[in-house]
Amino acid sequence: MEMQDEQTNGLRENRYRPMGELIRGIFFILFGLFAIFAQKLGLGEFRISPQWMLVLGIVLMLYGIFRVYNGIRKLFFNRN
């Protein structure tokens, strides 16, 4: 009985972790888009130059894409 509970908890944990990565990735992509377009759309003024905001936005988006890719890979393609 305990072994079945451990397997069920392990399966549940293995499904939630990739979904968390997917959600975090989406947030990083959104933050990257905000960093790139906020000043152009008049949503905020930043104390750093627009070039550095562009670099920061690109880095955030790349990291977000990596997280989304990793989450999708673990959710759908990592079958044991």
Protein backbone atom coordinates (compact mmCIF):
# COMPACT_ATOMS: atom_id res chain seq x y z
CA MET A 1 0.00 0.00 0.00
CA GLU A 2 2.78 2.44 0.91
CA MET A 3 4.66 1.69 -2.30
CA GLN A 4 1.58 2.60 -4.36
CA ASP A 5 1.24 5.90 -2.44
CA GLU A 6 4.92 6.69 -3.07
CA GLN A 7 4.49 6.01 -6.79
CA THR A 8 1.38 8.17 -6.95
CA ASN A 9 3.10 11.04 -5.11
CA GLY A 10 6.17 10.69 -7.32
CA LEU A 11 4.03 10.78 -10.45
CA ARG A 12 2.15 13.85 -9.21
CA GLU A 13 5.42 15.61 -8.35
CA ASN A 14 6.90 14.74 -11.74
CA ARG A 15 3.91 16.31 -13.49
CA TYR A 16 3.84 19.52 -11.44
CA ARG A 17 7.52 20.37 -11.78
CA PRO A 18 7.50 20.61 -15.61
CA MET A 19 4.28 22.62 -15.50
CA GLY A 20 6.00 25.00 -13.09
CA GLU A 21 8.89 25.35 -15.49
CA LEU A 22 6.46 26.04 -18.30
CA ILE A 23 4.66 28.74 -16.30
CA ARG A 24 7.94 30.33 -15.14
CA GLY A 25 9.14 30.35 -18.74
CA ILE A 26 6.02 32.17 -19.88
CA PHE A 27 6.52 34.78 -17.14
CA PHE A 28 10.15 35.31 -18.17
CA ILE A 29 9.09 35.78 -21.80
CA LEU A 30 6.46 38.32 -20.71
CA PHE A 31 8.99 40.18 -18.54
CA GLY A 32 11.38 40.25 -21.50
CA LEU A 33 8.70 41.68 -23.76
CA PHE A 34 7.87 44.26 -21.10
CA ALA A 35 11.54 45.26 -20.81
CA ILE A 36 11.76 45.72 -24.58
CA PHE A 37 8.47 47.52 -25.25
CA ALA A 38 7.50 49.30 -22.01
CA GLN A 39 9.33 52.53 -22.67
CA LYS A 40 8.26 52.59 -26.34
CA LEU A 41 4.62 52.20 -25.34
CA GLY A 42 4.85 54.74 -22.53
CA LEU A 43 4.32 52.20 -19.75
CA GLY A 44 7.37 53.17 -17.74
CA GLU A 45 10.57 55.15 -17.52
CA PHE A 46 13.76 53.34 -16.65
CA ARG A 47 17.06 54.70 -15.40
CA ILE A 48 19.15 52.56 -17.71
CA SER A 49 19.68 53.15 -21.40
CA PRO A 50 17.31 51.68 -23.98
CA GLN A 51 20.16 49.54 -25.36
CA TRP A 52 20.62 47.84 -21.98
CA MET A 53 16.88 47.34 -21.65
CA LEU A 54 16.90 45.67 -25.06
CA VAL A 55 19.75 43.38 -23.98
CA LEU A 56 17.97 42.59 -20.71
CA GLY A 57 14.73 41.86 -22.55
CA ILE A 58 16.46 39.53 -25.00
CA VAL A 59 18.23 37.66 -22.19
CA LEU A 60 14.96 37.28 -20.27
CA MET A 61 13.17 36.02 -23.35
CA LEU A 62 15.92 33.52 -24.19
CA TYR A 63 15.83 32.18 -20.65
CA GLY A 64 12.04 31.98 -20.82
CA ILE A 65 12.19 30.07 -24.10
CA PHE A 66 14.67 27.66 -22.53
CA ARG A 67 12.33 27.11 -19.55
CA VAL A 68 9.31 26.58 -21.83
CA TYR A 69 11.26 24.12 -23.99
CA ASN A 70 12.49 22.24 -20.93
CA GLY A 71 8.99 22.08 -19.45
CA ILE A 72 7.42 20.83 -22.69
CA ARG A 73 10.19 18.26 -23.14
CA LYS A 74 9.71 16.91 -19.62
CA LEU A 75 5.91 16.92 -19.84
CA PHE A 76 5.40 15.29 -23.19
CA PHE A 77 8.60 13.62 -24.40
CA ASN A 78 10.22 12.19 -21.27
CA ARG A 79 8.11 9.04 -20.84
CA ASN A 80 9.52 6.37 -18.53
